[in-house]
Amino acid sequence: MDRVKLNSFKKVEVTMATDFFSEDEKPLIWYFKTKGGEMEFFTAPGLHPITGETLRKITPYIIETYVPLHINNTDSFLPRNQE
């Protein structure tokens, strides 16, 4: 088992603000499309941890088609002032 790969391989949520490519245009994100059409994104190449299928490197088409502009998380908003 490669510990460096294990530590750098994570499932992540992405938005248009995510860095998808390095400065030399190498992919930083890989993806898997489930049979239900849901997209899952990962921080390293390899095999999907559940299905064992090969992850694909991100492309501009995938970004434009499947990546949301932003993610609405309840903890991403400022709390209202209590007056």
PDB file of N, CA and C in Angstrom:
ATOM      1  N   MET A   1       0.843  -1.179   0.000  1.00  0.00           N
ATOM      2  CA  MET A   1       0.000   0.000   0.000  1.00  0.00           C
ATOM      3  C   MET A   1       0.892   1.247   0.000  1.00  0.00           C
ATOM      4  N   ASP A   2       0.600   2.173  -0.865  1.00  0.00           N
ATOM      5  CA  ASP A   2       1.351   3.421  -0.975  1.00  0.00           C
ATOM      6  C   ASP A   2       0.716   4.462  -0.051  1.00  0.00           C
ATOM      7  N   ARG A   3       1.400   4.788   1.040  1.00  0.00           N
ATOM      8  CA  ARG A   3       0.837   5.730   2.030  1.00  0.00           C
ATOM      9  C   ARG A   3       0.662   7.142   1.463  1.00  0.00           C
ATOM     10  N   VAL A   4       1.550   7.581   0.569  1.00  0.00           N
ATOM     11  CA  VAL A   4       1.413   8.912  -0.032  1.00  0.00           C
ATOM     12  C   VAL A   4       0.129   8.978  -0.852  1.00  0.00           C
ATOM     13  N   LYS A   5      -0.114   7.942  -1.661  1.00  0.00           N
ATOM     14  CA  LYS A   5      -1.356   7.909  -2.438  1.00  0.00           C
ATOM     15  C   LYS A   5      -2.572   7.840  -1.530  1.00  0.00           C
ATOM     16  N   LEU A   6      -2.483   7.031  -0.504  1.00  0.00           N
ATOM     17  CA  LEU A   6      -3.602   6.888   0.419  1.00  0.00           C
ATOM     18  C   LEU A   6      -3.943   8.212   1.090  1.00  0.00           C
ATOM     19  N   ASN A   7      -2.939   8.977   1.470  1.00  0.00           N
ATOM     20  CA  ASN A   7      -3.168  10.271   2.136  1.00  0.00           C
ATOM     21  C   ASN A   7      -3.658  11.343   1.171  1.00  0.00           C
ATOM     22  N   SER A   8      -3.311  11.241  -0.120  1.00  0.00           N
ATOM     23  CA  SER A   8      -3.714  12.283  -1.068  1.00  0.00           C
ATOM     24  C   SER A   8      -4.998  11.940  -1.816  1.00  0.00           C
ATOM     25  N   PHE A   9      -5.501  10.717  -1.681  1.00  0.00           N
ATOM     26  CA  PHE A   9      -6.698  10.283  -2.384  1.00  0.00           C
ATOM     27  C   PHE A   9      -7.920  10.519  -1.507  1.00  0.00           C
ATOM     28  N   LYS A  10      -8.728  11.514  -1.892  1.00  0.00           N
ATOM     29  CA  LYS A  10      -9.916  11.855  -1.117  1.00  0.00           C
ATOM     30  C   LYS A  10     -11.071  12.190  -2.058  1.00  0.00           C
ATOM     31  N   LYS A  11     -12.277  11.885  -1.620  1.00  0.00           N
ATOM     32  CA  LYS A  11     -13.469  12.322  -2.328  1.00  0.00           C
ATOM     33  C   LYS A  11     -13.738  13.754  -1.905  1.00  0.00           C
ATOM     34  N   VAL A  12     -14.013  14.639  -2.870  1.00  0.00           N
ATOM     35  CA  VAL A  12     -14.203  16.062  -2.563  1.00  0.00           C
ATOM     36  C   VAL A  12     -15.433  16.606  -3.275  1.00  0.00           C
ATOM     37  N   GLU A  13     -15.953  17.686  -2.721  1.00  0.00           N
ATOM     38  CA  GLU A  13     -16.986  18.463  -3.400  1.00  0.00           C
ATOM     39  C   GLU A  13     -16.273  19.552  -4.177  1.00  0.00           C
ATOM     40  N   VAL A  14     -16.739  19.843  -5.380  1.00  0.00           N
ATOM     41  CA  VAL A  14     -16.102  20.855  -6.204  1.00  0.00           C
ATOM     42  C   VAL A  14     -17.112  21.917  -6.614  1.00  0.00           C
ATOM     43  N   THR A  15     -16.604  23.099  -6.902  1.00  0.00           N
ATOM     44  CA  THR A  15     -17.380  24.194  -7.485  1.00  0.00           C
ATOM     45  C   THR A  15     -16.518  24.803  -8.579  1.00  0.00           C
ATOM     46  N   MET A  16     -17.038  25.794  -9.228  1.00  0.00           N
ATOM     47  CA  MET A  16     -16.267  26.471 -10.267  1.00  0.00           C
ATOM     48  C   MET A  16     -15.017  27.154  -9.698  1.00  0.00           C
ATOM     49  N   ALA A  17     -14.973  27.352  -8.388  1.00  0.00           N
ATOM     50  CA  ALA A  17     -13.811  27.982  -7.760  1.00  0.00           C
ATOM     51  C   ALA A  17     -12.687  26.981  -7.476  1.00  0.00           C
ATOM     52  N   THR A  18     -12.939  25.700  -7.671  1.00  0.00           N
ATOM     53  CA  THR A  18     -11.942  24.656  -7.422  1.00  0.00           C
ATOM     54  C   THR A  18     -10.815  24.749  -8.446  1.00  0.00           C
ATOM     55  N   ASP A  19      -9.589  24.505  -8.010  1.00  0.00           N
ATOM     56  CA  ASP A  19      -8.459  24.408  -8.941  1.00  0.00           C
ATOM     57  C   ASP A  19      -8.509  23.025  -9.579  1.00  0.00           C
ATOM     58  N   PHE A  20      -8.816  22.953 -10.861  1.00  0.00           N
ATOM     59  CA  PHE A  20      -8.933  21.679 -11.561  1.00  0.00           C
ATOM     60  C   PHE A  20      -7.637  21.266 -12.251  1.00  0.00           C
ATOM     61  N   PHE A  21      -6.798  22.236 -12.561  1.00  0.00           N
ATOM     62  CA  PHE A  21      -5.559  21.956 -13.280  1.00  0.00           C
ATOM     63  C   PHE A  21      -4.395  22.673 -12.610  1.00  0.00           C
ATOM     64  N   SER A  22      -3.215  22.063 -12.681  1.00  0.00           N
ATOM     65  CA  SER A  22      -2.006  22.695 -12.153  1.00  0.00           C
ATOM     66  C   SER A  22      -1.546  23.776 -13.138  1.00  0.00           C
ATOM     67  N   GLU A  23      -0.509  24.501 -12.777  1.00  0.00           N
ATOM     68  CA  GLU A  23      -0.003  25.557 -13.649  1.00  0.00           C
ATOM     69  C   GLU A  23       0.489  25.011 -14.983  1.00  0.00           C
ATOM     70  N   ASP A  24       0.946  23.773 -14.991  1.00  0.00           N
ATOM     71  CA  ASP A  24       1.390  23.161 -16.250  1.00  0.00           C
ATOM     72  C   ASP A  24       0.269  22.334 -16.903  1.00  0.00           C
ATOM     73  N   GLU A  25      -0.975  22.640 -16.531  1.00  0.00           N
ATOM     74  CA  GLU A  25      -2.200  22.098 -17.128  1.00  0.00           C
ATOM     75  C   GLU A  25      -2.414  20.603 -16.899  1.00  0.00           C
ATOM     76  N   LYS A  26      -1.827  20.047 -15.847  1.00  0.00           N
ATOM     77  CA  LYS A  26      -2.088  18.653 -15.491  1.00  0.00           C
ATOM     78  C   LYS A  26      -3.313  18.621 -14.578  1.00  0.00           C
ATOM     79  N   PRO A  27      -4.164  17.598 -14.708  1.00  0.00           N
ATOM     80  CA  PRO A  27      -5.377  17.545 -13.888  1.00  0.00           C
ATOM     81  C   PRO A  27      -5.064  17.360 -12.407  1.00  0.00           C
ATOM     82  N   LEU A  28      -5.847  18.038 -11.577  1.00  0.00           N
ATOM     83  CA  LEU A  28      -5.759  17.910 -10.124  1.00  0.00           C
ATOM     84  C   LEU A  28      -6.972  17.162  -9.567  1.00  0.00           C
ATOM     85  N   ILE A  29      -7.981  16.956 -10.416  1.00  0.00           N
ATOM     86  CA  ILE A  29      -9.232  16.318 -10.010  1.00  0.00           C
ATOM     87  C   ILE A  29      -9.572  15.213 -11.009  1.00  0.00           C
ATOM     88  N   TRP A  30     -10.063  14.085 -10.480  1.00  0.00           N
ATOM     89  CA  TRP A  30     -10.537  12.969 -11.291  1.00  0.00           C
ATOM     90  C   TRP A  30     -11.990  12.714 -10.916  1.00  0.00           C
ATOM     91  N   TYR A  31     -12.750  12.094 -11.818  1.00  0.00           N
ATOM     92  CA  TYR A  31     -14.174  11.935 -11.552  1.00  0.00           C
ATOM     93  C   TYR A  31     -14.661  10.527 -11.874  1.00  0.00           C
ATOM     94  N   PHE A  32     -15.856  10.230 -11.353  1.00  0.00           N
ATOM     95  CA  PHE A  32     -16.566   8.992 -11.634  1.00  0.00           C
ATOM     96  C   PHE A  32     -18.038   9.346 -11.752  1.00  0.00           C
ATOM     97  N   LYS A  33     -18.678   8.849 -12.798  1.00  0.00           N
ATOM     98  CA  LYS A  33     -20.115   9.076 -12.986  1.00  0.00           C
ATOM     99  C   LYS A  33     -20.841   7.788 -12.639  1.00  0.00           C
ATOM    100  N   THR A  34     -21.721   7.859 -11.632  1.00  0.00           N
ATOM    101  CA  THR A  34     -22.453   6.680 -11.189  1.00  0.00           C
ATOM    102  C   THR A  34     -23.502   6.285 -12.227  1.00  0.00           C
ATOM    103  N   LYS A  35     -24.026   5.089 -12.097  1.00  0.00           N
ATOM    104  CA  LYS A  35     -25.072   4.627 -13.019  1.00  0.00           C
ATOM    105  C   LYS A  35     -26.313   5.516 -12.941  1.00  0.00           C
ATOM    106  N   GLY A  36     -26.514   6.167 -11.799  1.00  0.00           N
ATOM    107  CA  GLY A  36     -27.624   7.098 -11.637  1.00  0.00           C
ATOM    108  C   GLY A  36     -27.339   8.484 -12.187  1.00  0.00           C
ATOM    109  N   GLY A  37     -26.136   8.705 -12.714  1.00  0.00           N
ATOM    110  CA  GLY A  37     -25.779   9.988 -13.301  1.00  0.00           C
ATOM    111  C   GLY A  37     -25.151  10.972 -12.343  1.00  0.00           C
ATOM    112  N   GLU A  38     -24.955  10.569 -11.069  1.00  0.00           N
ATOM    113  CA  GLU A  38     -24.337  11.454 -10.094  1.00  0.00           C
ATOM    114  C   GLU A  38     -22.828  11.484 -10.303  1.00  0.00           C
ATOM    115  N   MET A  39     -22.230  12.650 -10.159  1.00  0.00           N
ATOM    116  CA  MET A  39     -20.788  12.802 -10.330  1.00  0.00           C
ATOM    117  C   MET A  39     -20.104  12.765  -8.970  1.00  0.00           C
ATOM    118  N   GLU A  40     -18.997  12.032  -8.894  1.00  0.00           N
ATOM    119  CA  GLU A  40     -18.157  11.992  -7.705  1.00  0.00           C
ATOM    120  C   GLU A  40     -16.769  12.436  -8.124  1.00  0.00           C
ATOM    121  N   PHE A  41     -16.144  13.285  -7.307  1.00  0.00           N
ATOM    122  CA  PHE A  41     -14.842  13.850  -7.648  1.00  0.00           C
ATOM    123  C   PHE A  41     -13.802  13.439  -6.617  1.00  0.00           C
ATOM    124  N   PHE A  42     -12.572  13.207  -7.098  1.00  0.00           N
ATOM    125  CA  PHE A  42     -11.484  12.729  -6.248  1.00  0.00           C
ATOM    126  C   PHE A  42     -10.214  13.533  -6.516  1.00  0.00           C
ATOM    127  N   THR A  43      -9.295  13.513  -5.550  1.00  0.00           N
ATOM    128  CA  THR A  43      -8.087  14.331  -5.617  1.00  0.00           C
ATOM    129  C   THR A  43      -6.885  13.626  -6.234  1.00  0.00           C
ATOM    130  N   ALA A  44      -7.054  12.405  -6.706  1.00  0.00           N
ATOM    131  CA  ALA A  44      -5.938  11.671  -7.299  1.00  0.00           C
ATOM    132  C   ALA A  44      -6.473  10.627  -8.259  1.00  0.00           C
ATOM    133  N   PRO A  45      -5.645  10.191  -9.207  1.00  0.00           N
ATOM    134  CA  PRO A  45      -6.082   9.124 -10.108  1.00  0.00           C
ATOM    135  C   PRO A  45      -6.126   7.793  -9.375  1.00  0.00           C
ATOM    136  N   GLY A  46      -6.796   6.833  -9.974  1.00  0.00           N
ATOM    137  CA  GLY A  46      -6.861   5.509  -9.362  1.00  0.00           C
ATOM    138  C   GLY A  46      -8.183   4.846  -9.643  1.00  0.00           C
ATOM    139  N   LEU A  47      -8.561   3.957  -8.743  1.00  0.00           N
ATOM    140  CA  LEU A  47      -9.805   3.214  -8.868  1.00  0.00           C
ATOM    141  C   LEU A  47     -10.830   3.725  -7.865  1.00  0.00           C
ATOM    142  N   HIS A  48     -12.086   3.702  -8.276  1.00  0.00           N
ATOM    143  CA  HIS A  48     -13.158   4.106  -7.372  1.00  0.00           C
ATOM    144  C   HIS A  48     -13.144   3.157  -6.177  1.00  0.00           C
ATOM    145  N   PRO A  49     -13.205   3.699  -4.962  1.00  0.00           N
ATOM    146  CA  PRO A  49     -13.064   2.864  -3.770  1.00  0.00           C
ATOM    147  C   PRO A  49     -14.168   1.823  -3.570  1.00  0.00           C
ATOM    148  N   ILE A  50     -15.323   1.999  -4.186  1.00  0.00           N
ATOM    149  CA  ILE A  50     -16.410   1.037  -4.017  1.00  0.00           C
ATOM    150  C   ILE A  50     -16.567   0.148  -5.252  1.00  0.00           C
ATOM    151  N   THR A  51     -16.594   0.753  -6.437  1.00  0.00           N
ATOM    152  CA  THR A  51     -16.851  -0.025  -7.653  1.00  0.00           C
ATOM    153  C   THR A  51     -15.595  -0.657  -8.237  1.00  0.00           C
ATOM    154  N   GLY A  52     -14.433  -0.081  -7.945  1.00  0.00           N
ATOM    155  CA  GLY A  52     -13.182  -0.584  -8.511  1.00  0.00           C
ATOM    156  C   GLY A  52     -12.945  -0.132  -9.940  1.00  0.00           C
ATOM    157  N   GLU A  53     -13.831   0.706 -10.462  1.00  0.00           N
ATOM    158  CA  GLU A  53     -13.666   1.205 -11.830  1.00  0.00           C
ATOM    159  C   GLU A  53     -12.654   2.352 -11.856  1.00  0.00           C
ATOM    160  N   THR A  54     -11.989   2.509 -12.992  1.00  0.00           N
ATOM    161  CA  THR A  54     -10.960   3.529 -13.152  1.00  0.00           C
ATOM    162  C   THR A  54     -11.573   4.925 -13.177  1.00  0.00           C
ATOM    163  N   LEU A  55     -10.998   5.839 -12.394  1.00  0.00           N
ATOM    164  CA  LEU A  55     -11.434   7.237 -12.404  1.00  0.00           C
ATOM    165  C   LEU A  55     -10.917   7.902 -13.670  1.00  0.00           C
ATOM    166  N   ARG A  56     -11.631   8.905 -14.142  1.00  0.00           N
ATOM    167  CA  ARG A  56     -11.235   9.636 -15.343  1.00  0.00           C
ATOM    168  C   ARG A  56     -10.736  11.025 -14.955  1.00  0.00           C
ATOM    169  N   LYS A  57      -9.768  11.522 -15.698  1.00  0.00           N
ATOM    170  CA  LYS A  57      -9.266  12.867 -15.408  1.00  0.00           C
ATOM    171  C   LYS A  57     -10.287  13.902 -15.869  1.00  0.00           C
ATOM    172  N   ILE A  58     -10.335  14.984 -15.131  1.00  0.00           N
ATOM    173  CA  ILE A  58     -11.279  16.072 -15.396  1.00  0.00           C
ATOM    174  C   ILE A  58     -10.965  16.723 -16.740  1.00  0.00           C
ATOM    175  N   THR A  59     -11.988  17.183 -17.421  1.00  0.00           N
ATOM    176  CA  THR A  59     -11.824  17.893 -18.686  1.00  0.00           C
ATOM    177  C   THR A  59     -12.639  19.180 -18.625  1.00  0.00           C
ATOM    178  N   PRO A  60     -12.324  20.149 -19.477  1.00  0.00           N
ATOM    179  CA  PRO A  60     -13.144  21.363 -19.507  1.00  0.00           C
ATOM    180  C   PRO A  60     -14.627  21.069 -19.768  1.00  0.00           C
ATOM    181  N   TYR A  61     -14.918  20.085 -20.607  1.00  0.00           N
ATOM    182  CA  TYR A  61     -16.315  19.730 -20.882  1.00  0.00           C
ATOM    183  C   TYR A  61     -17.020  19.257 -19.616  1.00  0.00           C
ATOM    184  N   ILE A  62     -16.391  18.380 -18.848  1.00  0.00           N
ATOM    185  CA  ILE A  62     -16.986  17.862 -17.612  1.00  0.00           C
ATOM    186  C   ILE A  62     -17.210  19.006 -16.628  1.00  0.00           C
ATOM    187  N   ILE A  63     -16.256  19.919 -16.527  1.00  0.00           N
ATOM    188  CA  ILE A  63     -16.394  21.064 -15.619  1.00  0.00           C
ATOM    189  C   ILE A  63     -17.604  21.905 -16.005  1.00  0.00           C
ATOM    190  N   GLU A  64     -17.700  22.261 -17.282  1.00  0.00           N
ATOM    191  CA  GLU A  64     -18.799  23.111 -17.747  1.00  0.00           C
ATOM    192  C   GLU A  64     -20.156  22.419 -17.608  1.00  0.00           C
ATOM    193  N   THR A  65     -20.186  21.105 -17.778  1.00  0.00           N
ATOM    194  CA  THR A  65     -21.446  20.373 -17.787  1.00  0.00           C
ATOM    195  C   THR A  65     -21.932  19.953 -16.404  1.00  0.00           C
ATOM    196  N   TYR A  66     -21.006  19.546 -15.519  1.00  0.00           N
ATOM    197  CA  TYR A  66     -21.418  18.914 -14.270  1.00  0.00           C
ATOM    198  C   TYR A  66     -21.032  19.638 -12.983  1.00  0.00           C
ATOM    199  N   VAL A  67     -20.165  20.623 -13.061  1.00  0.00           N
ATOM    200  CA  VAL A  67     -19.697  21.275 -11.834  1.00  0.00           C
ATOM    201  C   VAL A  67     -20.594  22.464 -11.512  1.00  0.00           C
ATOM    202  N   PRO A  68     -21.150  22.507 -10.300  1.00  0.00           N
ATOM    203  CA  PRO A  68     -22.019  23.640  -9.933  1.00  0.00           C
ATOM    204  C   PRO A  68     -21.213  24.923  -9.738  1.00  0.00           C
ATOM    205  N   LEU A  69     -21.888  26.042  -9.927  1.00  0.00           N
ATOM    206  CA  LEU A  69     -21.220  27.327  -9.700  1.00  0.00           C
ATOM    207  C   LEU A  69     -20.825  27.481  -8.245  1.00  0.00           C
ATOM    208  N   HIS A  70     -21.669  27.004  -7.348  1.00  0.00           N
ATOM    209  CA  HIS A  70     -21.387  27.067  -5.905  1.00  0.00           C
ATOM    210  C   HIS A  70     -22.195  25.978  -5.221  1.00  0.00           C
ATOM    211  N   ILE A  71     -21.864  25.702  -3.988  1.00  0.00           N
ATOM    212  CA  ILE A  71     -22.589  24.708  -3.203  1.00  0.00           C
ATOM    213  C   ILE A  71     -23.231  25.427  -2.028  1.00  0.00           C
ATOM    214  N   ASN A  72     -24.516  25.230  -1.843  1.00  0.00           N
ATOM    215  CA  ASN A  72     -25.231  25.856  -0.734  1.00  0.00           C
ATOM    216  C   ASN A  72     -25.174  24.952   0.491  1.00  0.00           C
ATOM    217  N   ASN A  73     -24.290  25.268   1.403  1.00  0.00           N
ATOM    218  CA  ASN A  73     -24.230  24.569   2.684  1.00  0.00           C
ATOM    219  C   ASN A  73     -24.733  25.517   3.754  1.00  0.00           C
ATOM    220  N   THR A  74     -25.495  25.022   4.698  1.00  0.00           N
ATOM    221  CA  THR A  74     -26.033  25.904   5.731  1.00  0.00           C
ATOM    222  C   THR A  74     -24.931  26.556   6.542  1.00  0.00           C
ATOM    223  N   ASP A  75     -23.788  25.905   6.677  1.00  0.00           N
ATOM    224  CA  ASP A  75     -22.698  26.496   7.470  1.00  0.00           C
ATOM    225  C   ASP A  75     -21.855  27.482   6.637  1.00  0.00           C
ATOM    226  N   SER A  76     -22.212  27.707   5.381  1.00  0.00           N
ATOM    227  CA  SER A  76     -21.433  28.631   4.556  1.00  0.00           C
ATOM    228  C   SER A  76     -22.001  30.042   4.576  1.00  0.00           C
ATOM    229  N   PHE A  77     -23.093  30.250   5.304  1.00  0.00           N
ATOM    230  CA  PHE A  77     -23.701  31.567   5.380  1.00  0.00           C
ATOM    231  C   PHE A  77     -23.380  32.224   6.718  1.00  0.00           C
ATOM    232  N   LEU A  78     -23.315  33.536   6.701  1.00  0.00           N
ATOM    233  CA  LEU A  78     -23.069  34.277   7.924  1.00  0.00           C
ATOM    234  C   LEU A  78     -24.323  34.218   8.797  1.00  0.00           C
ATOM    235  N   PRO A  79     -24.144  34.099  10.091  1.00  0.00           N
ATOM    236  CA  PRO A  79     -25.323  34.082  10.970  1.00  0.00           C
ATOM    237  C   PRO A  79     -25.994  35.437  10.997  1.00  0.00           C
ATOM    238  N   ARG A  80     -27.288  35.432  11.217  1.00  0.00           N
ATOM    239  CA  ARG A  80     -28.025  36.696  11.338  1.00  0.00           C
ATOM    240  C   ARG A  80     -27.679  37.353  12.670  1.00  0.00           C
ATOM    241  N   ASN A  81     -27.678  38.671  12.638  1.00  0.00           N
ATOM    242  CA  ASN A  81     -27.450  39.416  13.896  1.00  0.00           C
ATOM    243  C   ASN A  81     -28.645  39.245  14.817  1.00  0.00           C
ATOM    244  N   GLN A  82     -28.368  38.943  16.028  1.00  0.00           N
ATOM    245  CA  GLN A  82     -29.425  38.796  17.025  1.00  0.00           C
ATOM    246  C   GLN A  82     -29.621  40.164  17.693  1.00  0.00           C
ATOM    247  N   GLU A  83     -30.732  40.793  17.446  1.00  0.00           N
ATOM    248  CA  GLU A  83     -30.993  42.120  18.033  1.00  0.00           C
ATOM    249  C   GLU A  83     -32.084  42.049  19.052  1.00  0.00           C
TER     250      GLU A  83
END
